[in-house]
């Protein structure tokens, strides 16, 4: 039940909910409800809180926690802000070193970091996409071009006083604020995979 609720925002993100999600949730809820007064919303809120508590994890554990890989593409979803991640790493350079080491360890050409957090009661997403090596440059460029409008990507503005230069000058690494907060990995991953085919 937890993965279904987490991936669909408690079955409320209509563009993410599929019929099989509804069927599986109904079946599981029918089994859980009679035995212990199961409350789906309360369960979802506890999942959301636990997922957001990354304080005791190392940076590698945070990257691994919600990581998916498709061949040469890896995506880590993180339930915190990009600013929090930079602070956790000890600055933008240690973060970049950790991301590069993670990509090398996973043998991938492109790494994406998707963040999701709540600020002043509103959801916010940031997205970092980094291509490693010359062969990845056209992939990242194709993604930046094709995904900009549907994801409503804008250059990520760092918080005041935070050392946060995550973009590079060779167009292989970008950090964006993602205006389309409803676009989860289910939406972003196909756009990235399509960029590999261009």
N, C-alpha and C. Protein backbone atom coordinates (compact mmCIF):
# COMPACT_ATOMS: atom_id res chain seq x y z
N UNK A 1 0.82 -1.19 0.00
CA UNK A 1 0.00 0.00 0.00
C UNK A 1 0.87 1.26 0.00
N UNK A 2 1.96 1.25 0.75
CA UNK A 2 2.81 2.44 0.87
C UNK A 2 3.32 2.94 -0.48
N UNK A 3 3.87 2.08 -1.36
CA UNK A 3 4.35 2.60 -2.64
C UNK A 3 3.25 3.23 -3.50
N UNK A 4 2.07 2.65 -3.46
CA UNK A 4 0.95 3.19 -4.25
C UNK A 4 0.60 4.59 -3.75
N UNK A 5 0.44 4.72 -2.43
CA UNK A 5 0.06 6.01 -1.87
C UNK A 5 1.15 7.05 -2.06
N UNK A 6 2.41 6.65 -1.89
CA UNK A 6 3.52 7.59 -2.05
C UNK A 6 3.63 8.08 -3.49
N UNK A 7 3.47 7.17 -4.44
CA UNK A 7 3.62 7.52 -5.86
C UNK A 7 2.45 8.33 -6.42
N UNK A 8 1.30 8.28 -5.74
CA UNK A 8 0.11 8.95 -6.27
C UNK A 8 -0.44 10.03 -5.33
N UNK A 9 0.36 10.44 -4.36
CA UNK A 9 -0.09 11.45 -3.38
C UNK A 9 -1.43 11.06 -2.77
N UNK A 10 -1.44 9.86 -2.19
CA UNK A 10 -2.64 9.32 -1.52
C UNK A 10 -3.81 9.16 -2.49
N UNK A 11 -3.49 8.77 -3.72
CA UNK A 11 -4.46 8.55 -4.80
C UNK A 11 -5.16 9.85 -5.22
N UNK A 12 -4.57 10.99 -4.91
CA UNK A 12 -5.18 12.28 -5.23
C UNK A 12 -4.58 12.95 -6.46
N UNK A 13 -3.40 12.52 -6.90
CA UNK A 13 -2.78 13.10 -8.09
C UNK A 13 -3.37 12.39 -9.31
N UNK A 14 -4.44 12.93 -9.82
CA UNK A 14 -5.23 12.25 -10.85
C UNK A 14 -4.42 11.90 -12.09
N UNK A 15 -3.43 12.71 -12.45
CA UNK A 15 -2.63 12.41 -13.63
C UNK A 15 -1.63 11.29 -13.38
N UNK A 16 -1.45 10.89 -12.13
CA UNK A 16 -0.52 9.80 -11.80
C UNK A 16 -1.23 8.50 -11.44
N UNK A 17 -2.50 8.59 -11.09
CA UNK A 17 -3.25 7.41 -10.65
C UNK A 17 -3.70 6.61 -11.86
N UNK A 18 -3.37 5.34 -11.83
CA UNK A 18 -3.81 4.42 -12.89
C UNK A 18 -4.88 3.49 -12.33
N UNK A 19 -5.64 2.85 -13.22
CA UNK A 19 -6.68 1.93 -12.77
C UNK A 19 -6.13 0.83 -11.88
N UNK A 20 -4.94 0.32 -12.23
CA UNK A 20 -4.37 -0.76 -11.42
C UNK A 20 -4.01 -0.26 -10.02
N UNK A 21 -3.65 1.03 -9.87
CA UNK A 21 -3.39 1.60 -8.55
C UNK A 21 -4.67 1.60 -7.71
N UNK A 22 -5.77 2.01 -8.32
CA UNK A 22 -7.05 2.05 -7.61
C UNK A 22 -7.50 0.66 -7.20
N UNK A 23 -7.36 -0.31 -8.10
CA UNK A 23 -7.76 -1.69 -7.79
C UNK A 23 -6.92 -2.26 -6.66
N UNK A 24 -5.60 -2.07 -6.75
CA UNK A 24 -4.71 -2.61 -5.72
C UNK A 24 -4.97 -1.94 -4.38
N UNK A 25 -5.16 -0.62 -4.37
CA UNK A 25 -5.41 0.08 -3.11
C UNK A 25 -6.73 -0.36 -2.50
N UNK A 26 -7.76 -0.52 -3.31
CA UNK A 26 -9.06 -0.97 -2.80
C UNK A 26 -8.96 -2.36 -2.18
N UNK A 27 -8.25 -3.26 -2.85
CA UNK A 27 -8.08 -4.62 -2.33
C UNK A 27 -7.32 -4.60 -1.01
N UNK A 28 -6.22 -3.85 -0.96
CA UNK A 28 -5.42 -3.79 0.26
C UNK A 28 -6.17 -3.09 1.39
N UNK A 29 -6.87 -2.03 1.08
CA UNK A 29 -7.62 -1.31 2.11
C UNK A 29 -8.73 -2.19 2.68
N UNK A 30 -9.36 -2.99 1.84
CA UNK A 30 -10.41 -3.90 2.32
C UNK A 30 -9.84 -4.92 3.30
N UNK A 31 -8.61 -5.36 3.07
CA UNK A 31 -7.97 -6.32 3.98
C UNK A 31 -7.49 -5.66 5.27
N UNK A 32 -7.06 -4.40 5.18
CA UNK A 32 -6.50 -3.71 6.35
C UNK A 32 -7.56 -3.07 7.24
N UNK A 33 -8.58 -2.50 6.67
CA UNK A 33 -9.55 -1.72 7.42
C UNK A 33 -10.27 -2.50 8.53
N UNK A 34 -10.80 -3.69 8.27
CA UNK A 34 -11.55 -4.38 9.33
C UNK A 34 -10.68 -4.80 10.53
N UNK A 35 -9.42 -5.07 10.29
CA UNK A 35 -8.59 -5.63 11.36
C UNK A 35 -8.05 -4.60 12.34
N UNK A 36 -7.84 -3.38 11.92
CA UNK A 36 -7.20 -2.44 12.85
C UNK A 36 -7.61 -0.98 12.63
N UNK A 37 -8.81 -0.74 12.19
CA UNK A 37 -9.27 0.63 11.96
C UNK A 37 -8.28 1.42 11.11
N UNK A 38 -7.89 0.85 10.01
CA UNK A 38 -6.92 1.46 9.10
C UNK A 38 -7.47 2.77 8.56
N UNK A 39 -6.68 3.82 8.64
CA UNK A 39 -7.01 5.13 8.10
C UNK A 39 -5.99 5.46 7.02
N UNK A 40 -6.42 5.43 5.77
CA UNK A 40 -5.49 5.61 4.65
C UNK A 40 -4.79 6.96 4.70
N UNK A 41 -5.51 8.02 5.01
CA UNK A 41 -4.90 9.35 5.04
C UNK A 41 -3.86 9.45 6.15
N UNK A 42 -4.18 8.91 7.31
CA UNK A 42 -3.22 8.91 8.42
C UNK A 42 -1.98 8.10 8.04
N UNK A 43 -2.19 6.95 7.40
CA UNK A 43 -1.07 6.11 6.96
C UNK A 43 -0.22 6.86 5.94
N UNK A 44 -0.86 7.53 4.98
CA UNK A 44 -0.13 8.30 3.97
C UNK A 44 0.69 9.42 4.62
N UNK A 45 0.09 10.13 5.58
CA UNK A 45 0.81 11.21 6.26
C UNK A 45 2.03 10.69 7.01
N UNK A 46 1.92 9.51 7.61
CA UNK A 46 3.08 8.94 8.31
C UNK A 46 4.16 8.52 7.31
N UNK A 47 3.77 8.02 6.15
CA UNK A 47 4.73 7.66 5.09
C UNK A 47 5.45 8.93 4.62
N UNK A 48 4.68 9.97 4.38
CA UNK A 48 5.24 11.23 3.89
C UNK A 48 6.25 11.81 4.89
N UNK A 49 5.92 11.76 6.17
CA UNK A 49 6.84 12.26 7.21
C UNK A 49 8.11 11.44 7.27
N UNK A 50 7.96 10.12 7.24
CA UNK A 50 9.14 9.24 7.30
C UNK A 50 10.02 9.42 6.07
N UNK A 51 9.39 9.58 4.92
CA UNK A 51 10.14 9.74 3.67
C UNK A 51 10.94 11.04 3.67
N UNK A 52 10.41 12.06 4.32
CA UNK A 52 11.07 13.37 4.34
C UNK A 52 12.19 13.45 5.37
N UNK A 53 12.21 12.54 6.35
CA UNK A 53 13.25 12.60 7.39
C UNK A 53 14.51 11.90 6.91
N UNK A 54 15.42 12.69 6.38
CA UNK A 54 16.67 12.16 5.84
C UNK A 54 17.87 12.53 6.72
N UNK A 55 17.61 13.11 7.87
CA UNK A 55 18.67 13.68 8.69
C UNK A 55 19.74 12.68 9.11
N UNK A 56 19.37 11.43 9.33
CA UNK A 56 20.36 10.45 9.81
C UNK A 56 21.07 9.71 8.67
N UNK A 57 20.69 9.98 7.44
CA UNK A 57 21.27 9.26 6.30
C UNK A 57 22.50 9.98 5.74
N UNK A 58 23.43 9.20 5.23
CA UNK A 58 24.57 9.77 4.51
C UNK A 58 24.08 10.24 3.14
N UNK A 59 24.89 11.02 2.45
CA UNK A 59 24.52 11.49 1.12
C UNK A 59 24.33 10.31 0.16
N UNK A 60 25.20 9.31 0.23
CA UNK A 60 25.05 8.13 -0.62
C UNK A 60 23.74 7.40 -0.32
N UNK A 61 23.37 7.31 0.95
CA UNK A 61 22.10 6.67 1.32
C UNK A 61 20.91 7.46 0.82
N UNK A 62 21.02 8.79 0.85
CA UNK A 62 19.95 9.64 0.34
C UNK A 62 19.77 9.43 -1.16
N UNK A 63 20.87 9.36 -1.89
CA UNK A 63 20.80 9.13 -3.34
C UNK A 63 20.23 7.75 -3.65
N UNK A 64 20.55 6.77 -2.82
CA UNK A 64 20.12 5.39 -3.03
C UNK A 64 18.67 5.16 -2.61
N UNK A 65 18.17 5.94 -1.66
CA UNK A 65 16.88 5.70 -1.03
C UNK A 65 15.73 5.56 -2.03
N UNK A 66 15.64 6.44 -2.97
CA UNK A 66 14.58 6.38 -3.98
C UNK A 66 15.22 6.57 -5.35
N UNK A 67 15.98 5.56 -5.76
CA UNK A 67 16.77 5.62 -6.99
C UNK A 67 16.23 4.61 -8.00
N UNK A 68 16.13 5.04 -9.24
CA UNK A 68 15.74 4.15 -10.34
C UNK A 68 16.76 4.33 -11.46
N UNK A 69 17.04 3.23 -12.16
CA UNK A 69 18.01 3.29 -13.26
C UNK A 69 17.45 2.57 -14.47
N UNK A 70 17.64 3.20 -15.63
CA UNK A 70 17.30 2.62 -16.92
C UNK A 70 18.56 2.70 -17.77
N UNK A 71 19.29 1.63 -17.87
CA UNK A 71 20.51 1.63 -18.67
C UNK A 71 21.50 2.69 -18.21
N UNK A 72 21.77 3.67 -19.07
CA UNK A 72 22.74 4.73 -18.79
C UNK A 72 22.15 5.94 -18.07
N UNK A 73 20.88 5.84 -17.66
CA UNK A 73 20.19 6.94 -16.99
C UNK A 73 19.83 6.54 -15.57
N UNK A 74 20.17 7.40 -14.61
CA UNK A 74 19.77 7.19 -13.22
C UNK A 74 19.06 8.41 -12.68
N UNK A 75 18.01 8.18 -11.88
CA UNK A 75 17.25 9.28 -11.28
C UNK A 75 17.08 9.00 -9.78
N UNK A 76 17.51 9.97 -8.97
CA UNK A 76 17.26 9.92 -7.53
C UNK A 76 16.19 10.94 -7.19
N UNK A 77 15.16 10.49 -6.49
CA UNK A 77 14.13 11.41 -6.00
C UNK A 77 14.37 11.63 -4.52
N UNK A 78 14.34 12.88 -4.11
CA UNK A 78 14.70 13.24 -2.75
C UNK A 78 13.63 14.17 -2.18
N UNK A 79 13.11 13.81 -1.01
CA UNK A 79 12.03 14.57 -0.38
C UNK A 79 12.58 15.70 0.48
N UNK A 80 13.41 16.51 -0.10
CA UNK A 80 13.95 17.71 0.53
C UNK A 80 14.29 18.70 -0.59
N UNK A 81 14.66 19.91 -0.22
CA UNK A 81 15.00 20.91 -1.22
C UNK A 81 16.44 20.75 -1.68
N UNK A 82 16.74 21.33 -2.81
CA UNK A 82 18.11 21.34 -3.31
C UNK A 82 19.03 22.11 -2.36
N UNK A 83 18.51 23.17 -1.77
CA UNK A 83 19.30 23.92 -0.78
C UNK A 83 19.66 23.04 0.40
N UNK A 84 18.71 22.23 0.87
CA UNK A 84 18.96 21.32 1.98
C UNK A 84 20.05 20.32 1.59
N UNK A 85 19.97 19.81 0.37
CA UNK A 85 20.95 18.83 -0.10
C UNK A 85 22.35 19.43 -0.16
N UNK A 86 22.45 20.66 -0.62
CA UNK A 86 23.75 21.34 -0.66
C UNK A 86 24.30 21.52 0.76
N UNK A 87 23.43 21.93 1.67
CA UNK A 87 23.86 22.09 3.07
C UNK A 87 24.28 20.76 3.67
N UNK A 88 23.52 19.71 3.40
CA UNK A 88 23.83 18.37 3.92
C UNK A 88 25.21 17.92 3.44
N UNK A 89 25.54 18.24 2.19
CA UNK A 89 26.83 17.83 1.61
C UNK A 89 27.98 18.70 2.10
N UNK A 90 27.68 19.87 2.65
CA UNK A 90 28.74 20.77 3.09
C UNK A 90 29.13 21.80 2.05
N UNK A 91 28.26 22.03 1.07
CA UNK A 91 28.52 23.00 0.01
C UNK A 91 28.28 22.40 -1.36
N UNK A 92 28.25 23.27 -2.37
CA UNK A 92 27.93 22.77 -3.71
C UNK A 92 29.05 21.91 -4.29
N UNK A 93 30.31 22.22 -3.99
CA UNK A 93 31.41 21.41 -4.54
C UNK A 93 31.43 19.99 -3.96
N UNK A 94 31.28 19.83 -2.63
CA UNK A 94 31.18 18.46 -2.11
C UNK A 94 29.96 17.71 -2.66
N UNK A 95 28.85 18.44 -2.88
CA UNK A 95 27.68 17.78 -3.47
C UNK A 95 28.00 17.30 -4.87
N UNK A 96 28.61 18.16 -5.69
CA UNK A 96 28.96 17.76 -7.05
C UNK A 96 29.93 16.58 -7.05
N UNK A 97 30.89 16.58 -6.13
CA UNK A 97 31.81 15.43 -6.02
C UNK A 97 31.05 14.15 -5.70
N UNK A 98 30.09 14.24 -4.78
CA UNK A 98 29.30 13.07 -4.40
C UNK A 98 28.44 12.58 -5.55
N UNK A 99 27.84 13.51 -6.30
CA UNK A 99 27.01 13.12 -7.45
C UNK A 99 27.87 12.46 -8.53
N UNK A 100 29.04 13.01 -8.78
CA UNK A 100 29.94 12.41 -9.79
C UNK A 100 30.37 11.02 -9.36
N UNK A 101 30.69 10.85 -8.08
CA UNK A 101 31.09 9.53 -7.57
C UNK A 101 29.94 8.54 -7.68
N UNK A 102 28.72 9.00 -7.39
CA UNK A 102 27.54 8.13 -7.49
C UNK A 102 27.34 7.69 -8.95
N UNK A 103 27.42 8.62 -9.88
CA UNK A 103 27.24 8.30 -11.30
C UNK A 103 28.32 7.33 -11.77
N UNK A 104 29.56 7.54 -11.34
CA UNK A 104 30.66 6.65 -11.71
C UNK A 104 30.41 5.24 -11.15
N UNK A 105 29.99 5.18 -9.90
CA UNK A 105 29.71 3.90 -9.25
C UNK A 105 28.59 3.14 -9.97
N UNK A 106 27.58 3.88 -10.45
CA UNK A 106 26.42 3.26 -11.12
C UNK A 106 26.66 3.06 -12.62
N UNK A 107 27.78 3.55 -13.16
CA UNK A 107 28.12 3.40 -14.59
C UNK A 107 27.05 4.01 -15.48
N UNK A 108 26.67 5.26 -15.19
CA UNK A 108 25.64 5.92 -15.98
C UNK A 108 26.21 7.14 -16.70
N UNK A 109 25.54 7.51 -17.80
CA UNK A 109 25.92 8.69 -18.57
C UNK A 109 25.21 9.95 -18.09
N UNK A 110 23.97 9.78 -17.61
CA UNK A 110 23.17 10.92 -17.18
C UNK A 110 22.57 10.62 -15.81
N UNK A 111 22.74 11.57 -14.90
CA UNK A 111 22.15 11.48 -13.56
C UNK A 111 21.19 12.65 -13.38
N UNK A 112 20.00 12.34 -12.91
CA UNK A 112 19.02 13.38 -12.57
C UNK A 112 18.72 13.30 -11.08
N UNK A 113 18.64 14.45 -10.46
CA UNK A 113 18.24 14.56 -9.06
C UNK A 113 16.94 15.35 -9.04
N UNK A 114 15.88 14.73 -8.55
CA UNK A 114 14.59 15.38 -8.45
C UNK A 114 14.30 15.63 -6.97
N UNK A 115 14.04 16.88 -6.62
CA UNK A 115 13.70 17.19 -5.24
C UNK A 115 12.23 17.61 -5.16
N UNK A 116 11.64 17.36 -4.01
CA UNK A 116 10.26 17.77 -3.75
C UNK A 116 10.17 18.12 -2.27
N UNK A 117 9.67 19.32 -1.99
CA UNK A 117 9.50 19.73 -0.60
C UNK A 117 8.38 20.76 -0.54
N UNK A 118 7.96 21.06 0.67
CA UNK A 118 6.93 22.06 0.90
C UNK A 118 7.56 23.30 1.50
N UNK A 119 7.24 24.44 0.92
CA UNK A 119 7.73 25.72 1.44
C UNK A 119 6.54 26.67 1.56
N UNK A 120 6.32 27.17 2.75
CA UNK A 120 5.20 28.07 3.02
C UNK A 120 3.87 27.46 2.55
N UNK A 121 3.72 26.16 2.76
CA UNK A 121 2.48 25.47 2.41
C UNK A 121 2.32 25.12 0.95
N UNK A 122 3.33 25.38 0.13
CA UNK A 122 3.26 25.09 -1.30
C UNK A 122 4.34 24.09 -1.70
N UNK A 123 3.97 23.17 -2.59
CA UNK A 123 4.95 22.22 -3.10
C UNK A 123 5.94 22.92 -4.02
N UNK A 124 7.20 22.53 -3.91
CA UNK A 124 8.23 23.03 -4.81
C UNK A 124 9.08 21.85 -5.27
N UNK A 125 9.49 21.91 -6.52
CA UNK A 125 10.39 20.90 -7.08
C UNK A 125 11.60 21.59 -7.68
N UNK A 126 12.74 20.92 -7.56
CA UNK A 126 13.93 21.31 -8.30
C UNK A 126 14.43 20.08 -9.05
N UNK A 127 15.16 20.33 -10.11
CA UNK A 127 15.66 19.25 -10.94
C UNK A 127 17.09 19.57 -11.36
N UNK A 128 17.99 18.63 -11.11
CA UNK A 128 19.37 18.73 -11.60
C UNK A 128 19.56 17.61 -12.60
N UNK A 129 20.08 17.93 -13.77
CA UNK A 129 20.41 16.92 -14.78
C UNK A 129 21.86 17.12 -15.16
N UNK A 130 22.63 16.04 -15.08
CA UNK A 130 24.07 16.11 -15.32
C UNK A 130 24.47 14.98 -16.26
N UNK A 131 25.08 15.37 -17.37
CA UNK A 131 25.61 14.39 -18.32
C UNK A 131 27.10 14.24 -18.14
N UNK A 132 27.57 13.00 -18.11
CA UNK A 132 28.98 12.72 -17.87
C UNK A 132 29.64 12.26 -19.17
N UNK A 133 30.62 13.03 -19.62
CA UNK A 133 31.34 12.69 -20.84
C UNK A 133 30.75 13.35 -22.06
N UNK A 134 31.55 13.44 -23.13
CA UNK A 134 31.10 14.13 -24.36
C UNK A 134 29.85 13.51 -24.98
N UNK A 135 29.68 12.21 -24.88
CA UNK A 135 28.51 11.56 -25.49
C UNK A 135 27.21 11.97 -24.80
N UNK A 136 27.30 12.45 -23.57
CA UNK A 136 26.10 12.83 -22.83
C UNK A 136 25.63 14.25 -23.14
N UNK A 137 26.52 15.08 -23.68
CA UNK A 137 26.17 16.49 -23.93
C UNK A 137 24.92 16.61 -24.82
N UNK A 138 24.83 15.91 -25.97
CA UNK A 138 23.62 16.07 -26.79
C UNK A 138 22.36 15.52 -26.11
N UNK A 139 22.52 14.55 -25.23
CA UNK A 139 21.37 14.00 -24.50
C UNK A 139 20.81 15.07 -23.56
N UNK A 140 21.70 15.69 -22.80
CA UNK A 140 21.28 16.72 -21.85
C UNK A 140 20.70 17.92 -22.61
N UNK A 141 21.32 18.30 -23.72
CA UNK A 141 20.81 19.42 -24.52
C UNK A 141 19.42 19.11 -25.07
N UNK A 142 19.22 17.88 -25.55
CA UNK A 142 17.91 17.49 -26.09
C UNK A 142 16.86 17.52 -24.99
N UNK A 143 17.21 17.03 -23.80
CA UNK A 143 16.26 17.06 -22.69
C UNK A 143 15.93 18.50 -22.31
N UNK A 144 16.95 19.35 -22.19
CA UNK A 144 16.72 20.75 -21.81
C UNK A 144 15.77 21.42 -22.80
N UNK A 145 15.93 21.11 -24.07
CA UNK A 145 15.08 21.71 -25.11
C UNK A 145 13.65 21.15 -25.04
N UNK A 146 13.51 19.83 -24.97
CA UNK A 146 12.19 19.21 -25.06
C UNK A 146 11.39 19.30 -23.76
N UNK A 147 12.06 19.36 -22.62
CA UNK A 147 11.35 19.32 -21.34
C UNK A 147 11.07 20.69 -20.75
N UNK A 148 11.68 21.72 -21.30
CA UNK A 148 11.57 23.05 -20.72
C UNK A 148 10.11 23.50 -20.58
N UNK A 149 9.33 23.39 -21.63
CA UNK A 149 7.94 23.84 -21.58
C UNK A 149 7.05 22.93 -20.73
N UNK A 150 7.03 21.61 -20.98
CA UNK A 150 6.10 20.78 -20.19
C UNK A 150 6.41 20.74 -18.69
N UNK A 151 7.68 20.86 -18.33
CA UNK A 151 8.04 20.85 -16.91
C UNK A 151 8.11 22.25 -16.31
N UNK A 152 8.00 23.28 -17.19
CA UNK A 152 8.12 24.68 -16.78
C UNK A 152 9.42 24.89 -16.01
N UNK A 153 10.52 24.61 -16.70
CA UNK A 153 11.85 24.71 -16.09
C UNK A 153 12.37 26.14 -16.16
N UNK A 154 12.90 26.60 -15.05
CA UNK A 154 13.55 27.90 -14.96
C UNK A 154 14.86 27.72 -14.21
N UNK A 155 15.88 28.53 -14.52
CA UNK A 155 17.14 28.40 -13.78
C UNK A 155 16.87 28.45 -12.28
N UNK A 156 17.50 27.53 -11.58
CA UNK A 156 17.27 27.44 -10.14
C UNK A 156 17.88 28.63 -9.42
N UNK A 157 17.06 29.37 -8.68
CA UNK A 157 17.62 30.48 -7.91
C UNK A 157 18.03 29.99 -6.53
N UNK A 158 19.26 30.19 -6.21
CA UNK A 158 19.75 29.79 -4.89
C UNK A 158 19.19 30.73 -3.83
N UNK A 159 19.08 30.20 -2.64
CA UNK A 159 18.68 31.05 -1.53
C UNK A 159 19.83 32.00 -1.20
N UNK A 160 19.48 33.13 -0.67
CA UNK A 160 20.48 34.17 -0.38
C UNK A 160 21.61 33.61 0.49
N UNK A 161 22.81 33.88 0.07
CA UNK A 161 23.98 33.50 0.86
C UNK A 161 24.43 32.07 0.69
N UNK A 162 23.74 31.29 -0.12
CA UNK A 162 24.11 29.88 -0.28
C UNK A 162 25.03 29.73 -1.48
N UNK A 163 26.16 29.10 -1.28
CA UNK A 163 27.11 28.84 -2.36
C UNK A 163 26.52 27.71 -3.20
N UNK A 164 26.05 28.02 -4.39
CA UNK A 164 25.22 27.05 -5.07
C UNK A 164 25.34 27.04 -6.59
N UNK A 165 26.50 27.25 -7.11
CA UNK A 165 26.67 27.27 -8.56
C UNK A 165 26.66 25.83 -9.07
N UNK A 166 25.48 25.35 -9.46
CA UNK A 166 25.36 23.96 -9.90
C UNK A 166 25.42 23.82 -11.42
N UNK A 167 25.07 24.87 -12.16
CA UNK A 167 25.18 24.81 -13.62
C UNK A 167 26.65 24.83 -14.01
N UNK A 168 26.96 24.23 -15.15
CA UNK A 168 28.33 24.34 -15.66
C UNK A 168 28.33 25.18 -16.93
N UNK A 169 29.50 25.45 -17.45
CA UNK A 169 29.62 26.31 -18.63
C UNK A 169 29.61 25.51 -19.93
N UNK A 170 29.58 24.20 -19.84
CA UNK A 170 29.65 23.37 -21.05
C UNK A 170 28.30 22.74 -21.39
N UNK A 171 27.23 23.19 -20.73
CA UNK A 171 25.89 22.69 -20.99
C UNK A 171 25.76 21.19 -20.80
N UNK A 172 26.44 20.67 -19.80
CA UNK A 172 26.26 19.25 -19.46
C UNK A 172 25.60 19.09 -18.10
N UNK A 173 25.44 20.19 -17.35
CA UNK A 173 24.82 20.12 -16.03
C UNK A 173 23.95 21.35 -15.83
N UNK A 174 22.70 21.11 -15.48
CA UNK A 174 21.75 22.19 -15.25
C UNK A 174 21.03 21.97 -13.93
N UNK A 175 20.71 23.05 -13.25
CA UNK A 175 19.85 23.02 -12.07
C UNK A 175 18.66 23.94 -12.36
N UNK A 176 17.46 23.39 -12.19
CA UNK A 176 16.25 24.14 -12.50
C UNK A 176 15.28 24.12 -11.33
N UNK A 177 14.46 25.15 -11.26
CA UNK A 177 13.21 25.10 -10.51
C UNK A 177 12.19 24.53 -11.48
N UNK A 178 11.42 23.58 -11.01
CA UNK A 178 10.44 22.92 -11.87
C UNK A 178 9.06 23.46 -11.52
N UNK A 179 8.54 24.32 -12.39
CA UNK A 179 7.25 24.93 -12.13
C UNK A 179 6.09 23.96 -12.14
N UNK A 180 6.18 22.91 -12.92
CA UNK A 180 5.14 21.89 -12.97
C UNK A 180 5.40 20.88 -11.85
N UNK A 181 4.89 21.19 -10.67
CA UNK A 181 5.16 20.35 -9.50
C UNK A 181 4.44 19.01 -9.55
N UNK A 182 3.46 18.87 -10.41
CA UNK A 182 2.75 17.60 -10.53
C UNK A 182 3.54 16.59 -11.37
N UNK A 183 4.57 17.06 -12.05
CA UNK A 183 5.37 16.17 -12.91
C UNK A 183 6.40 15.44 -12.05
N UNK A 184 6.04 14.23 -11.65
CA UNK A 184 6.92 13.39 -10.84
C UNK A 184 7.87 12.62 -11.76
N UNK A 185 8.56 11.67 -11.19
CA UNK A 185 9.48 10.85 -11.98
C UNK A 185 8.74 10.09 -13.09
N UNK A 186 7.46 9.77 -12.86
CA UNK A 186 6.67 9.09 -13.90
C UNK A 186 6.56 9.93 -15.17
N UNK A 187 6.68 11.24 -15.03
CA UNK A 187 6.62 12.15 -16.18
C UNK A 187 8.02 12.49 -16.67
N UNK A 188 8.94 12.76 -15.74
CA UNK A 188 10.28 13.21 -16.09
C UNK A 188 11.11 12.09 -16.73
N UNK A 189 11.02 10.88 -16.19
CA UNK A 189 11.83 9.77 -16.71
C UNK A 189 11.59 9.50 -18.20
N UNK A 190 10.33 9.44 -18.67
CA UNK A 190 10.14 9.23 -20.11
C UNK A 190 10.73 10.35 -20.97
N UNK A 191 10.70 11.59 -20.47
CA UNK A 191 11.30 12.70 -21.22
C UNK A 191 12.82 12.52 -21.31
N UNK A 192 13.42 12.09 -20.22
CA UNK A 192 14.87 11.84 -20.24
C UNK A 192 15.21 10.65 -21.13
N UNK A 193 14.43 9.59 -21.03
CA UNK A 193 14.71 8.41 -21.87
C UNK A 193 14.54 8.75 -23.35
N UNK A 194 13.58 9.61 -23.67
CA UNK A 194 13.39 10.02 -25.07
C UNK A 194 14.59 10.81 -25.57
N UNK A 195 15.22 11.59 -24.70
CA UNK A 195 16.40 12.37 -25.10
C UNK A 195 17.56 11.46 -25.47
N UNK A 196 17.62 10.27 -24.90
CA UNK A 196 18.67 9.31 -25.27
C UNK A 196 18.50 8.83 -26.70
N UNK A 197 17.27 8.88 -27.21
CA UNK A 197 16.98 8.34 -28.55
C UNK A 197 17.15 9.37 -29.65
N UNK A 198 17.31 10.64 -29.28
CA UNK A 198 17.41 11.70 -30.30
C UNK A 198 18.79 11.75 -30.91
